[in-house]
Amino acid sequence: MTMIHQASLDKSWENIARRAFWSSEMPLQRWREGILAGHRSFLSDSIRYMSARNFVRFLGRETFVDQWPLIRRHVPPELVHEAAPLDALWSWHRSGTFNLRPESALARWPGRRRALFDQVVREPGISIYRAAKQAHMPYRRAYDHVQALSRQGLIRTRVGNGPRKQTRLYSF
């Protein structure tokens, strides 16, 4: 990825597009549509000549988080290494860590299961009740997700010794 100075990170779309595409006639909406469609030249030039921060800024953070695993499939093999900063940003926005790969099964989980798992990763020893509350789901649904995640070997449970014997959750 070409290094871009800090001063260029806040430049307008027109300046960034001219630098990446050597054209002042690349409308932002056309670029977004090309990226979301996985158009090879849009994607290649964007990865090579745009900073990851600008890529996310112009695509839109929520769109990037939702669509990057699909877009990532269209990245040419010779640019996989250069797409690593985008993978890291996606991982950070999606899970709060830098080690989630866009092609992993975790990226395809339903939103609430993912939210529950994220709570367990961020807060080891969290109770099912508290994780459910923070993930905005009923306890029973959280319990079902915990059982599924436990069967998959992604989390482990430990029953406490106190009078309430709360089940605590830990990731592997």
N, C-alpha and C. Protein backbone atom coordinates (compact mmCIF):
# COMPACT_ATOMS: atom_id res chain seq x y z
N MET A 1 0.84 -1.17 0.00
CA MET A 1 0.00 0.00 0.00
C MET A 1 0.89 1.23 0.00
N THR A 2 0.60 2.18 -0.83
CA THR A 2 1.37 3.40 -0.92
C THR A 2 1.13 4.23 0.33
N MET A 3 2.20 4.74 0.90
CA MET A 3 2.07 5.56 2.09
C MET A 3 1.51 6.92 1.72
N ILE A 4 0.54 7.37 2.46
CA ILE A 4 -0.07 8.67 2.24
C ILE A 4 0.15 9.49 3.50
N HIS A 5 0.59 10.71 3.36
CA HIS A 5 0.88 11.55 4.51
C HIS A 5 -0.39 11.84 5.31
N GLN A 6 -0.22 12.10 6.60
CA GLN A 6 -1.35 12.39 7.49
C GLN A 6 -2.20 13.52 6.96
N ALA A 7 -1.60 14.53 6.37
CA ALA A 7 -2.35 15.68 5.87
C ALA A 7 -3.35 15.28 4.80
N SER A 8 -3.07 14.21 4.05
CA SER A 8 -3.98 13.82 2.97
C SER A 8 -5.16 13.00 3.47
N LEU A 9 -5.15 12.61 4.75
CA LEU A 9 -6.23 11.77 5.25
C LEU A 9 -7.57 12.49 5.32
N ASP A 10 -7.55 13.79 5.42
CA ASP A 10 -8.80 14.52 5.53
C ASP A 10 -9.15 15.30 4.26
N LYS A 11 -8.52 14.97 3.16
CA LYS A 11 -8.81 15.66 1.91
C LYS A 11 -10.15 15.22 1.35
N SER A 12 -10.63 15.98 0.42
CA SER A 12 -11.93 15.72 -0.18
C SER A 12 -11.88 14.49 -1.09
N TRP A 13 -13.06 13.99 -1.42
CA TRP A 13 -13.16 12.83 -2.32
C TRP A 13 -12.48 13.13 -3.65
N GLU A 14 -12.66 14.33 -4.17
CA GLU A 14 -12.09 14.67 -5.47
C GLU A 14 -10.56 14.54 -5.46
N ASN A 15 -9.93 15.01 -4.39
CA ASN A 15 -8.47 14.91 -4.29
C ASN A 15 -8.03 13.45 -4.17
N ILE A 16 -8.72 12.69 -3.37
CA ILE A 16 -8.35 11.28 -3.17
C ILE A 16 -8.60 10.50 -4.46
N ALA A 17 -9.71 10.75 -5.13
CA ALA A 17 -10.04 10.04 -6.39
C ALA A 17 -9.01 10.36 -7.47
N ARG A 18 -8.58 11.60 -7.55
CA ARG A 18 -7.59 11.98 -8.55
C ARG A 18 -6.28 11.24 -8.30
N ARG A 19 -5.92 11.10 -7.03
CA ARG A 19 -4.68 10.41 -6.69
C ARG A 19 -4.79 8.91 -6.96
N ALA A 20 -5.95 8.31 -6.67
CA ALA A 20 -6.12 6.87 -6.84
C ALA A 20 -6.43 6.47 -8.28
N PHE A 21 -7.21 7.30 -8.98
CA PHE A 21 -7.69 6.90 -10.30
C PHE A 21 -7.18 7.79 -11.42
N TRP A 22 -6.36 8.79 -11.11
CA TRP A 22 -5.80 9.70 -12.11
C TRP A 22 -6.90 10.36 -12.94
N SER A 23 -8.01 10.57 -12.30
CA SER A 23 -9.13 11.19 -12.99
C SER A 23 -9.89 12.06 -12.00
N SER A 24 -10.30 13.20 -12.43
CA SER A 24 -11.12 14.05 -11.55
C SER A 24 -12.60 13.76 -11.76
N GLU A 25 -12.91 12.83 -12.64
CA GLU A 25 -14.30 12.54 -12.98
C GLU A 25 -14.78 11.21 -12.41
N MET A 26 -14.44 10.89 -11.18
CA MET A 26 -14.90 9.67 -10.54
C MET A 26 -15.88 10.06 -9.43
N PRO A 27 -17.16 10.05 -9.74
CA PRO A 27 -18.14 10.41 -8.71
C PRO A 27 -18.11 9.40 -7.55
N LEU A 28 -18.31 9.90 -6.36
CA LEU A 28 -18.25 9.05 -5.17
C LEU A 28 -19.27 7.92 -5.24
N GLN A 29 -20.48 8.21 -5.68
CA GLN A 29 -21.51 7.17 -5.76
C GLN A 29 -21.12 6.06 -6.73
N ARG A 30 -20.52 6.44 -7.84
CA ARG A 30 -20.06 5.43 -8.82
C ARG A 30 -18.97 4.56 -8.21
N TRP A 31 -18.05 5.17 -7.45
CA TRP A 31 -16.99 4.40 -6.78
C TRP A 31 -17.59 3.43 -5.78
N ARG A 32 -18.53 3.91 -4.97
CA ARG A 32 -19.17 3.03 -3.97
C ARG A 32 -19.84 1.84 -4.65
N GLU A 33 -20.57 2.11 -5.73
CA GLU A 33 -21.24 1.02 -6.44
C GLU A 33 -20.23 0.02 -7.01
N GLY A 34 -19.12 0.54 -7.55
CA GLY A 34 -18.08 -0.34 -8.08
C GLY A 34 -17.43 -1.19 -7.00
N ILE A 35 -17.18 -0.61 -5.85
CA ILE A 35 -16.58 -1.34 -4.74
C ILE A 35 -17.54 -2.40 -4.24
N LEU A 36 -18.80 -2.04 -4.03
CA LEU A 36 -19.78 -3.00 -3.52
C LEU A 36 -20.04 -4.13 -4.50
N ALA A 37 -19.88 -3.85 -5.80
CA ALA A 37 -20.04 -4.90 -6.81
C ALA A 37 -18.78 -5.75 -6.95
N GLY A 38 -17.69 -5.34 -6.30
CA GLY A 38 -16.44 -6.08 -6.40
C GLY A 38 -15.72 -5.87 -7.71
N HIS A 39 -15.95 -4.73 -8.36
CA HIS A 39 -15.32 -4.41 -9.65
C HIS A 39 -13.82 -4.41 -9.47
N ARG A 40 -13.14 -5.21 -10.25
CA ARG A 40 -11.70 -5.46 -10.08
C ARG A 40 -10.85 -4.19 -10.14
N SER A 41 -11.09 -3.33 -11.11
CA SER A 41 -10.22 -2.15 -11.23
C SER A 41 -10.50 -1.14 -10.10
N PHE A 42 -11.76 -0.95 -9.72
CA PHE A 42 -12.07 -0.05 -8.62
C PHE A 42 -11.38 -0.54 -7.34
N LEU A 43 -11.52 -1.83 -7.10
CA LEU A 43 -10.98 -2.43 -5.88
C LEU A 43 -9.46 -2.39 -5.87
N SER A 44 -8.84 -2.79 -6.97
CA SER A 44 -7.37 -2.80 -7.04
C SER A 44 -6.78 -1.42 -6.83
N ASP A 45 -7.27 -0.44 -7.56
CA ASP A 45 -6.73 0.92 -7.43
C ASP A 45 -7.00 1.50 -6.06
N SER A 46 -8.15 1.21 -5.49
CA SER A 46 -8.48 1.73 -4.16
C SER A 46 -7.55 1.14 -3.11
N ILE A 47 -7.31 -0.15 -3.18
CA ILE A 47 -6.42 -0.80 -2.20
C ILE A 47 -4.99 -0.29 -2.35
N ARG A 48 -4.57 -0.11 -3.59
CA ARG A 48 -3.18 0.33 -3.82
C ARG A 48 -2.94 1.79 -3.42
N TYR A 49 -3.88 2.67 -3.74
CA TYR A 49 -3.59 4.10 -3.65
C TYR A 49 -4.39 4.87 -2.61
N MET A 50 -5.31 4.24 -1.92
CA MET A 50 -6.05 4.92 -0.86
C MET A 50 -5.61 4.38 0.48
N SER A 51 -5.61 5.22 1.48
CA SER A 51 -5.34 4.73 2.83
C SER A 51 -6.57 3.94 3.28
N ALA A 52 -6.36 3.03 4.19
CA ALA A 52 -7.48 2.24 4.73
C ALA A 52 -8.50 3.17 5.39
N ARG A 53 -8.00 4.20 6.05
CA ARG A 53 -8.91 5.14 6.73
C ARG A 53 -9.82 5.83 5.71
N ASN A 54 -9.24 6.29 4.59
CA ASN A 54 -10.07 6.94 3.57
C ASN A 54 -11.02 5.96 2.91
N PHE A 55 -10.56 4.74 2.68
CA PHE A 55 -11.43 3.72 2.09
C PHE A 55 -12.69 3.56 2.95
N VAL A 56 -12.50 3.42 4.25
CA VAL A 56 -13.64 3.25 5.16
C VAL A 56 -14.45 4.53 5.25
N ARG A 57 -13.77 5.66 5.30
CA ARG A 57 -14.47 6.94 5.41
C ARG A 57 -15.41 7.18 4.23
N PHE A 58 -14.92 6.92 3.01
CA PHE A 58 -15.75 7.19 1.83
C PHE A 58 -16.78 6.11 1.56
N LEU A 59 -16.49 4.89 1.92
CA LEU A 59 -17.49 3.83 1.76
C LEU A 59 -18.57 3.94 2.82
N GLY A 60 -18.20 4.41 3.99
CA GLY A 60 -19.11 4.50 5.13
C GLY A 60 -18.81 3.36 6.09
N ARG A 61 -18.64 3.70 7.35
CA ARG A 61 -18.21 2.70 8.34
C ARG A 61 -19.17 1.51 8.43
N GLU A 62 -20.45 1.77 8.55
CA GLU A 62 -21.42 0.68 8.69
C GLU A 62 -21.46 -0.19 7.44
N THR A 63 -21.41 0.43 6.29
CA THR A 63 -21.39 -0.32 5.04
C THR A 63 -20.13 -1.16 4.96
N PHE A 64 -19.00 -0.58 5.34
CA PHE A 64 -17.73 -1.31 5.33
C PHE A 64 -17.80 -2.54 6.24
N VAL A 65 -18.28 -2.37 7.46
CA VAL A 65 -18.36 -3.48 8.41
C VAL A 65 -19.29 -4.57 7.89
N ASP A 66 -20.41 -4.17 7.32
CA ASP A 66 -21.37 -5.16 6.81
C ASP A 66 -20.90 -5.86 5.54
N GLN A 67 -20.24 -5.13 4.65
CA GLN A 67 -19.96 -5.64 3.31
C GLN A 67 -18.53 -6.12 3.07
N TRP A 68 -17.57 -5.77 3.94
CA TRP A 68 -16.18 -6.12 3.66
C TRP A 68 -15.95 -7.61 3.43
N PRO A 69 -16.55 -8.53 4.20
CA PRO A 69 -16.32 -9.96 3.90
C PRO A 69 -16.73 -10.34 2.47
N LEU A 70 -17.79 -9.73 1.96
CA LEU A 70 -18.22 -10.01 0.59
C LEU A 70 -17.30 -9.34 -0.43
N ILE A 71 -16.92 -8.10 -0.15
CA ILE A 71 -16.01 -7.38 -1.05
C ILE A 71 -14.65 -8.08 -1.08
N ARG A 72 -14.21 -8.55 0.08
CA ARG A 72 -12.89 -9.17 0.23
C ARG A 72 -12.70 -10.37 -0.70
N ARG A 73 -13.78 -11.06 -1.01
CA ARG A 73 -13.71 -12.21 -1.92
C ARG A 73 -13.25 -11.82 -3.32
N HIS A 74 -13.44 -10.55 -3.68
CA HIS A 74 -13.09 -10.07 -5.02
C HIS A 74 -11.69 -9.45 -5.09
N VAL A 75 -10.99 -9.39 -3.96
CA VAL A 75 -9.65 -8.83 -3.97
C VAL A 75 -8.73 -9.77 -4.74
N PRO A 76 -8.01 -9.25 -5.75
CA PRO A 76 -7.11 -10.11 -6.53
C PRO A 76 -6.03 -10.72 -5.62
N PRO A 77 -5.63 -11.95 -5.91
CA PRO A 77 -4.64 -12.63 -5.05
C PRO A 77 -3.34 -11.84 -4.85
N GLU A 78 -2.94 -11.09 -5.85
CA GLU A 78 -1.69 -10.34 -5.72
C GLU A 78 -1.82 -9.15 -4.77
N LEU A 79 -3.04 -8.79 -4.38
CA LEU A 79 -3.24 -7.65 -3.48
C LEU A 79 -3.70 -8.06 -2.08
N VAL A 80 -3.74 -9.34 -1.81
CA VAL A 80 -4.21 -9.81 -0.50
C VAL A 80 -3.37 -9.20 0.62
N HIS A 81 -2.06 -9.16 0.43
CA HIS A 81 -1.18 -8.59 1.46
C HIS A 81 -1.46 -7.10 1.65
N GLU A 82 -1.70 -6.39 0.57
CA GLU A 82 -1.96 -4.95 0.66
C GLU A 82 -3.33 -4.65 1.25
N ALA A 83 -4.24 -5.63 1.26
CA ALA A 83 -5.57 -5.44 1.84
C ALA A 83 -5.56 -5.71 3.35
N ALA A 84 -4.43 -6.12 3.90
CA ALA A 84 -4.34 -6.44 5.33
C ALA A 84 -4.78 -5.29 6.24
N PRO A 85 -4.43 -4.03 5.96
CA PRO A 85 -4.92 -2.95 6.83
C PRO A 85 -6.45 -2.85 6.84
N LEU A 86 -7.07 -3.12 5.71
CA LEU A 86 -8.54 -3.11 5.67
C LEU A 86 -9.10 -4.28 6.47
N ASP A 87 -8.45 -5.45 6.38
CA ASP A 87 -8.87 -6.59 7.20
C ASP A 87 -8.78 -6.25 8.67
N ALA A 88 -7.70 -5.61 9.07
CA ALA A 88 -7.51 -5.24 10.48
C ALA A 88 -8.56 -4.24 10.94
N LEU A 89 -8.83 -3.24 10.11
CA LEU A 89 -9.88 -2.26 10.46
C LEU A 89 -11.24 -2.93 10.58
N TRP A 90 -11.54 -3.81 9.64
CA TRP A 90 -12.82 -4.53 9.69
C TRP A 90 -12.91 -5.35 10.97
N SER A 91 -11.85 -6.06 11.29
CA SER A 91 -11.82 -6.88 12.49
C SER A 91 -12.03 -6.03 13.74
N TRP A 92 -11.37 -4.88 13.79
CA TRP A 92 -11.49 -4.00 14.95
C TRP A 92 -12.92 -3.48 15.09
N HIS A 93 -13.51 -3.03 13.99
CA HIS A 93 -14.87 -2.50 14.05
C HIS A 93 -15.89 -3.60 14.34
N ARG A 94 -15.63 -4.80 13.87
CA ARG A 94 -16.57 -5.91 14.02
C ARG A 94 -16.48 -6.57 15.40
N SER A 95 -15.24 -6.74 15.92
CA SER A 95 -15.11 -7.53 17.14
C SER A 95 -14.31 -6.87 18.25
N GLY A 96 -13.66 -5.76 17.97
CA GLY A 96 -12.82 -5.14 18.98
C GLY A 96 -11.45 -5.78 19.09
N THR A 97 -11.13 -6.69 18.19
CA THR A 97 -9.81 -7.32 18.15
C THR A 97 -9.28 -7.19 16.73
N PHE A 98 -8.00 -7.51 16.55
CA PHE A 98 -7.40 -7.43 15.22
C PHE A 98 -7.23 -8.80 14.58
N ASN A 99 -7.71 -9.87 15.19
CA ASN A 99 -7.41 -11.20 14.67
C ASN A 99 -8.60 -11.93 14.05
N LEU A 100 -9.71 -11.27 13.82
CA LEU A 100 -10.84 -11.90 13.15
C LEU A 100 -10.67 -11.76 11.64
N ARG A 101 -10.66 -12.88 10.94
CA ARG A 101 -10.50 -12.87 9.49
C ARG A 101 -11.88 -12.72 8.83
N PRO A 102 -12.00 -11.90 7.77
CA PRO A 102 -13.29 -11.71 7.11
C PRO A 102 -13.88 -13.00 6.53
N GLU A 103 -13.02 -13.98 6.21
CA GLU A 103 -13.54 -15.22 5.62
C GLU A 103 -13.89 -16.26 6.67
N SER A 104 -13.73 -15.94 7.95
CA SER A 104 -13.99 -16.92 9.00
C SER A 104 -15.49 -17.15 9.19
N ALA A 105 -15.81 -18.28 9.79
CA ALA A 105 -17.20 -18.61 10.08
C ALA A 105 -17.80 -17.61 11.06
N LEU A 106 -16.98 -17.06 11.94
CA LEU A 106 -17.48 -16.09 12.92
C LEU A 106 -18.09 -14.87 12.24
N ALA A 107 -17.55 -14.50 11.11
CA ALA A 107 -18.05 -13.32 10.41
C ALA A 107 -19.44 -13.54 9.84
N ARG A 108 -19.85 -14.79 9.69
CA ARG A 108 -21.15 -15.09 9.10
C ARG A 108 -22.22 -15.42 10.15
N TRP A 109 -21.90 -15.30 11.42
CA TRP A 109 -22.88 -15.60 12.46
C TRP A 109 -24.01 -14.59 12.47
N PRO A 110 -25.16 -15.01 12.99
CA PRO A 110 -26.25 -14.03 13.20
C PRO A 110 -25.77 -12.93 14.15
N GLY A 111 -26.31 -11.75 13.98
CA GLY A 111 -25.86 -10.59 14.75
C GLY A 111 -25.88 -10.75 16.25
N ARG A 112 -26.93 -11.34 16.78
CA ARG A 112 -27.02 -11.46 18.24
C ARG A 112 -26.05 -12.49 18.80
N ARG A 113 -25.83 -13.59 18.08
CA ARG A 113 -24.84 -14.57 18.54
C ARG A 113 -23.46 -13.92 18.55
N ARG A 114 -23.20 -13.15 17.52
CA ARG A 114 -21.93 -12.44 17.43
C ARG A 114 -21.79 -11.45 18.58
N ALA A 115 -22.87 -10.72 18.88
CA ALA A 115 -22.85 -9.75 19.98
C ALA A 115 -22.59 -10.44 21.32
N LEU A 116 -23.22 -11.59 21.53
CA LEU A 116 -23.00 -12.34 22.76
C LEU A 116 -21.55 -12.82 22.85
N PHE A 117 -21.04 -13.38 21.77
CA PHE A 117 -19.66 -13.86 21.76
C PHE A 117 -18.69 -12.70 22.00
N ASP A 118 -18.96 -11.54 21.40
CA ASP A 118 -18.11 -10.37 21.62
C ASP A 118 -18.08 -9.98 23.09
N GLN A 119 -19.23 -10.07 23.78
CA GLN A 119 -19.28 -9.76 25.20
C GLN A 119 -18.38 -10.70 26.00
N VAL A 120 -18.40 -11.98 25.64
CA VAL A 120 -17.58 -12.97 26.34
C VAL A 120 -16.09 -12.71 26.10
N VAL A 121 -15.73 -12.36 24.87
CA VAL A 121 -14.33 -12.08 24.55
C VAL A 121 -13.86 -10.82 25.28
N ARG A 122 -14.69 -9.79 25.29
CA ARG A 122 -14.30 -8.52 25.91
C ARG A 122 -14.28 -8.59 27.43
N GLU A 123 -15.13 -9.43 27.99
CA GLU A 123 -15.28 -9.47 29.45
C GLU A 123 -15.28 -10.92 29.94
N PRO A 124 -14.11 -11.54 30.01
CA PRO A 124 -14.06 -12.94 30.47
C PRO A 124 -14.67 -13.07 31.87
N GLY A 125 -15.44 -14.12 32.07
CA GLY A 125 -16.08 -14.35 33.36
C GLY A 125 -17.44 -13.69 33.49
N ILE A 126 -17.94 -13.12 32.41
CA ILE A 126 -19.25 -12.48 32.43
C ILE A 126 -20.34 -13.54 32.64
N SER A 127 -21.40 -13.17 33.32
CA SER A 127 -22.51 -14.11 33.51
C SER A 127 -23.40 -14.12 32.27
N ILE A 128 -24.15 -15.19 32.10
CA ILE A 128 -25.07 -15.27 30.96
C ILE A 128 -26.07 -14.12 31.04
N TYR A 129 -26.60 -13.87 32.24
CA TYR A 129 -27.59 -12.81 32.41
C TYR A 129 -27.02 -11.46 31.97
N ARG A 130 -25.82 -11.13 32.43
CA ARG A 130 -25.23 -9.83 32.09
C ARG A 130 -24.90 -9.74 30.60
N ALA A 131 -24.38 -10.83 30.02
CA ALA A 131 -24.08 -10.84 28.58
C ALA A 131 -25.36 -10.66 27.77
N ALA A 132 -26.45 -11.31 28.21
CA ALA A 132 -27.74 -11.17 27.52
C ALA A 132 -28.22 -9.73 27.59
N LYS A 133 -28.09 -9.14 28.76
CA LYS A 133 -28.54 -7.76 28.94
C LYS A 133 -27.75 -6.81 28.06
N GLN A 134 -26.41 -6.99 28.01
CA GLN A 134 -25.58 -6.10 27.21
C GLN A 134 -25.77 -6.34 25.70
N ALA A 135 -26.17 -7.54 25.32
CA ALA A 135 -26.42 -7.85 23.91
C ALA A 135 -27.87 -7.59 23.53
N HIS A 136 -28.67 -7.10 24.47
CA HIS A 136 -30.09 -6.75 24.23
C HIS A 136 -30.90 -7.95 23.73
N MET A 137 -30.84 -9.04 24.49
CA MET A 137 -31.62 -10.22 24.12
C MET A 137 -32.15 -10.88 25.39
N PRO A 138 -33.24 -11.64 25.26
CA PRO A 138 -33.78 -12.35 26.42
C PRO A 138 -32.78 -13.40 26.93
N TYR A 139 -32.85 -13.67 28.23
CA TYR A 139 -31.95 -14.64 28.84
C TYR A 139 -32.05 -15.99 28.14
N ARG A 140 -33.25 -16.44 27.85
CA ARG A 140 -33.43 -17.77 27.25
C ARG A 140 -32.72 -17.87 25.89
N ARG A 141 -32.82 -16.82 25.08
CA ARG A 141 -32.15 -16.82 23.78
C ARG A 141 -30.63 -16.81 23.97
N ALA A 142 -30.15 -16.04 24.95
CA ALA A 142 -28.72 -16.01 25.25
C ALA A 142 -28.25 -17.39 25.70
N TYR A 143 -29.05 -18.05 26.52
CA TYR A 143 -28.69 -19.39 26.98
C TYR A 143 -28.55 -20.34 25.79
N ASP A 144 -29.48 -20.25 24.83
CA ASP A 144 -29.40 -21.10 23.63
C ASP A 144 -28.12 -20.82 22.84
N HIS A 145 -27.78 -19.55 22.70
CA HIS A 145 -26.55 -19.19 22.00
C HIS A 145 -25.32 -19.71 22.75
N VAL A 146 -25.34 -19.60 24.07
CA VAL A 146 -24.21 -20.11 24.87
C VAL A 146 -24.06 -21.61 24.66
N GLN A 147 -25.17 -22.34 24.64
CA GLN A 147 -25.09 -23.78 24.42
C GLN A 147 -24.50 -24.09 23.04
N ALA A 148 -24.93 -23.37 22.02
CA ALA A 148 -24.42 -23.60 20.67
C ALA A 148 -22.93 -23.27 20.59
N LEU A 149 -22.52 -22.15 21.17
CA LEU A 149 -21.11 -21.76 21.15
C LEU A 149 -20.26 -22.75 21.94
N SER A 150 -20.81 -23.26 23.01
CA SER A 150 -20.11 -24.24 23.83
C SER A 150 -19.92 -25.55 23.06
N ARG A 151 -20.96 -25.98 22.35
CA ARG A 151 -20.87 -27.20 21.54
C ARG A 151 -19.83 -27.05 20.43
N GLN A 152 -19.69 -25.84 19.89
CA GLN A 152 -18.71 -25.58 18.84
C GLN A 152 -17.29 -25.44 19.40
N GLY A 153 -17.17 -25.42 20.72
CA GLY A 153 -15.86 -25.32 21.35
C GLY A 153 -15.28 -23.92 21.35
N LEU A 154 -16.12 -22.91 21.25
CA LEU A 154 -15.63 -21.54 21.20
C LEU A 154 -15.67 -20.84 22.56
N ILE A 155 -16.54 -21.29 23.43
CA ILE A 155 -16.56 -20.75 24.79
C ILE A 155 -16.68 -21.91 25.76
N ARG A 156 -16.31 -21.63 27.00
CA ARG A 156 -16.49 -22.62 28.05
C ARG A 156 -17.26 -21.95 29.18
N THR A 157 -17.94 -22.76 29.96
CA THR A 157 -18.72 -22.24 31.08
C THR A 157 -18.17 -22.78 32.38
N ARG A 158 -18.36 -22.01 33.43
CA ARG A 158 -17.97 -22.44 34.76
C ARG A 158 -19.05 -21.94 35.73
N VAL A 159 -19.58 -22.85 36.53
CA VAL A 159 -20.61 -22.50 37.51
C VAL A 159 -19.92 -22.01 38.77
N GLY A 160 -20.38 -20.85 39.26
CA GLY A 160 -19.78 -20.26 40.45
C GLY A 160 -20.13 -21.02 41.72
N ASN A 161 -19.42 -20.71 42.81
CA ASN A 161 -19.62 -21.39 44.08
C ASN A 161 -20.53 -20.64 45.03
N GLY A 162 -20.87 -19.43 44.73
CA GLY A 162 -21.67 -18.61 45.65
C GLY A 162 -23.09 -19.11 45.78
N PRO A 163 -23.89 -18.41 46.56
CA PRO A 163 -25.28 -18.83 46.78
C PRO A 163 -26.13 -18.80 45.51
N ARG A 164 -25.79 -17.92 44.56
CA ARG A 164 -26.58 -17.82 43.33
C ARG A 164 -26.06 -18.75 42.25
N LYS A 165 -24.83 -19.22 42.37
CA LYS A 165 -24.21 -20.15 41.42
C LYS A 165 -24.37 -19.71 39.97
N GLN A 166 -23.99 -18.46 39.72
CA GLN A 166 -24.08 -17.94 38.36
C GLN A 166 -23.10 -18.67 37.44
N THR A 167 -23.55 -18.92 36.22
CA THR A 167 -22.68 -19.52 35.22
C THR A 167 -21.85 -18.41 34.59
N ARG A 168 -20.53 -18.59 34.63
CA ARG A 168 -19.60 -17.61 34.05
C ARG A 168 -19.11 -18.13 32.70
N LEU A 169 -18.88 -17.20 31.78
CA LEU A 169 -18.51 -17.55 30.41
C LEU A 169 -17.08 -17.09 30.11
N TYR A 170 -16.34 -17.95 29.41
CA TYR A 170 -14.96 -17.66 29.02
C TYR A 170 -14.74 -18.13 27.59
N SER A 171 -13.95 -17.36 26.83
CA SER A 171 -13.62 -17.79 25.47
C SER A 171 -12.35 -18.62 25.52
N PHE A 172 -12.14 -19.44 24.51
CA PHE A 172 -10.91 -20.24 24.44
C PHE A 172 -9.84 -19.48 23.76
